Amino acid sequence: MGHPSYINPPTFSESLTVAYSQVTVAKPDQLLFVAGHVGRDENREMVSDASLHTQERKALDNIRVA
């Protein structure tokens, strides 16, 4: 099995400083692991609407970006 690859978009938090990667792709099977995705915007601020639905939508949007 080859080495995994790590994806850490620059607009996301500095996850590597706290020992995890935003996205890890394990090859050859192409398993995808995501971690640390929350409802933060591109300025790393929590979305203004504190509702669970809004935060969930933003977290899922962040996963799509990654």
C-alpha atoms as a PDB file:
ATOM      1  CA  MET A   1       0.000   0.000   0.000  1.00  0.00           C
ATOM      2  CA  GLY A   2       1.329   3.454  -0.902  1.00  0.00           C
ATOM      3  CA  HIS A   3       1.661   6.427   1.363  1.00  0.00           C
ATOM      4  CA  PRO A   4      -1.456   8.497   2.091  1.00  0.00           C
ATOM      5  CA  SER A   5      -1.772  12.019   0.737  1.00  0.00           C
ATOM      6  CA  TYR A   6      -2.895  14.970   2.836  1.00  0.00           C
ATOM      7  CA  ILE A   7      -5.043  17.923   1.773  1.00  0.00           C
ATOM      8  CA  ASN A   8      -5.090  21.087   3.879  1.00  0.00           C
ATOM      9  CA  PRO A   9      -6.626  24.060   2.035  1.00  0.00           C
ATOM     10  CA  PRO A  10      -5.043  27.380   3.092  1.00  0.00           C
ATOM     11  CA  THR A  11      -8.428  28.863   4.035  1.00  0.00           C
ATOM     12  CA  PHE A  12      -8.946  26.193   6.701  1.00  0.00           C
ATOM     13  CA  SER A  13      -7.495  26.115  10.188  1.00  0.00           C
ATOM     14  CA  GLU A  14      -3.861  25.133  10.722  1.00  0.00           C
ATOM     15  CA  SER A  15      -4.712  21.537  11.551  1.00  0.00           C
ATOM     16  CA  LEU A  16      -1.212  20.170  11.079  1.00  0.00           C
ATOM     17  CA  THR A  17      -0.074  22.157  14.130  1.00  0.00           C
ATOM     18  CA  VAL A  18      -2.429  20.066  16.271  1.00  0.00           C
ATOM     19  CA  ALA A  19      -1.580  16.701  14.691  1.00  0.00           C
ATOM     20  CA  TYR A  20      -4.296  16.058  12.131  1.00  0.00           C
ATOM     21  CA  SER A  21      -4.968  16.727   8.479  1.00  0.00           C
ATOM     22  CA  GLN A  22      -8.213  18.189   7.123  1.00  0.00           C
ATOM     23  CA  VAL A  23      -8.409  15.444   4.496  1.00  0.00           C
ATOM     24  CA  THR A  24      -6.394  12.238   4.170  1.00  0.00           C
ATOM     25  CA  VAL A  25      -6.599  10.065   1.074  1.00  0.00           C
ATOM     26  CA  ALA A  26      -5.442   6.471   1.550  1.00  0.00           C
ATOM     27  CA  LYS A  27      -4.389   4.752  -1.659  1.00  0.00           C
ATOM     28  CA  PRO A  28      -4.723   2.469  -3.594  1.00  0.00           C
ATOM     29  CA  ASP A  29      -8.319   2.049  -2.452  1.00  0.00           C
ATOM     30  CA  GLN A  30      -8.885   5.828  -2.392  1.00  0.00           C
ATOM     31  CA  LEU A  31     -10.430   5.913   1.056  1.00  0.00           C
ATOM     32  CA  LEU A  32     -11.152   9.479   2.096  1.00  0.00           C
ATOM     33  CA  PHE A  33     -11.039  10.596   5.737  1.00  0.00           C
ATOM     34  CA  VAL A  34     -12.133  14.074   6.813  1.00  0.00           C
ATOM     35  CA  ALA A  35     -11.589  15.750  10.175  1.00  0.00           C
ATOM     36  CA  GLY A  36     -12.144  19.047  11.906  1.00  0.00           C
ATOM     37  CA  HIS A  37     -14.806  20.477   9.617  1.00  0.00           C
ATOM     38  CA  VAL A  38     -17.034  22.962  11.399  1.00  0.00           C
ATOM     39  CA  GLY A  39     -19.244  25.893  10.451  1.00  0.00           C
ATOM     40  CA  ARG A  40     -16.452  28.434   9.916  1.00  0.00           C
ATOM     41  CA  ASP A  41     -16.297  30.847   7.000  1.00  0.00           C
ATOM     42  CA  GLU A  42     -13.298  31.778   4.849  1.00  0.00           C
ATOM     43  CA  ASN A  43     -12.167  34.215   7.580  1.00  0.00           C
ATOM     44  CA  ARG A  44     -12.146  31.322  10.088  1.00  0.00           C
ATOM     45  CA  GLU A  45     -15.108  32.824  11.955  1.00  0.00           C
ATOM     46  CA  MET A  46     -18.163  30.833  12.971  1.00  0.00           C
ATOM     47  CA  VAL A  47     -21.101  31.525  10.672  1.00  0.00           C
ATOM     48  CA  SER A  48     -23.233  34.356  12.018  1.00  0.00           C
ATOM     49  CA  ASP A  49     -26.430  32.326  12.344  1.00  0.00           C
ATOM     50  CA  ALA A  50     -25.823  30.039  15.324  1.00  0.00           C
ATOM     51  CA  SER A  51     -28.495  27.525  14.315  1.00  0.00           C
ATOM     52  CA  LEU A  52     -27.429  23.915  13.967  1.00  0.00           C
ATOM     53  CA  HIS A  53     -28.770  23.793  10.405  1.00  0.00           C
ATOM     54  CA  THR A  54     -26.667  26.772   9.260  1.00  0.00           C
ATOM     55  CA  GLN A  55     -23.517  25.437  10.905  1.00  0.00           C
ATOM     56  CA  GLU A  56     -24.094  22.001   9.407  1.00  0.00           C
ATOM     57  CA  ARG A  57     -24.569  23.435   5.913  1.00  0.00           C
ATOM     58  CA  LYS A  58     -21.359  25.450   6.206  1.00  0.00           C
ATOM     59  CA  ALA A  59     -19.423  22.432   7.511  1.00  0.00           C
ATOM     60  CA  LEU A  60     -20.625  20.369   4.525  1.00  0.00           C
ATOM     61  CA  ASP A  61     -19.708  23.226   2.163  1.00  0.00           C
ATOM     62  CA  ASN A  62     -16.211  23.209   3.703  1.00  0.00           C
ATOM     63  CA  ILE A  63     -15.883  19.482   3.019  1.00  0.00           C
ATOM     64  CA  ARG A  64     -16.795  20.100  -0.624  1.00  0.00           C
ATOM     65  CA  VAL A  65     -14.066  22.775  -0.827  1.00  0.00           C
ATOM     66  CA  ALA A  66     -11.498  20.366   0.588  1.00  0.00           C
END
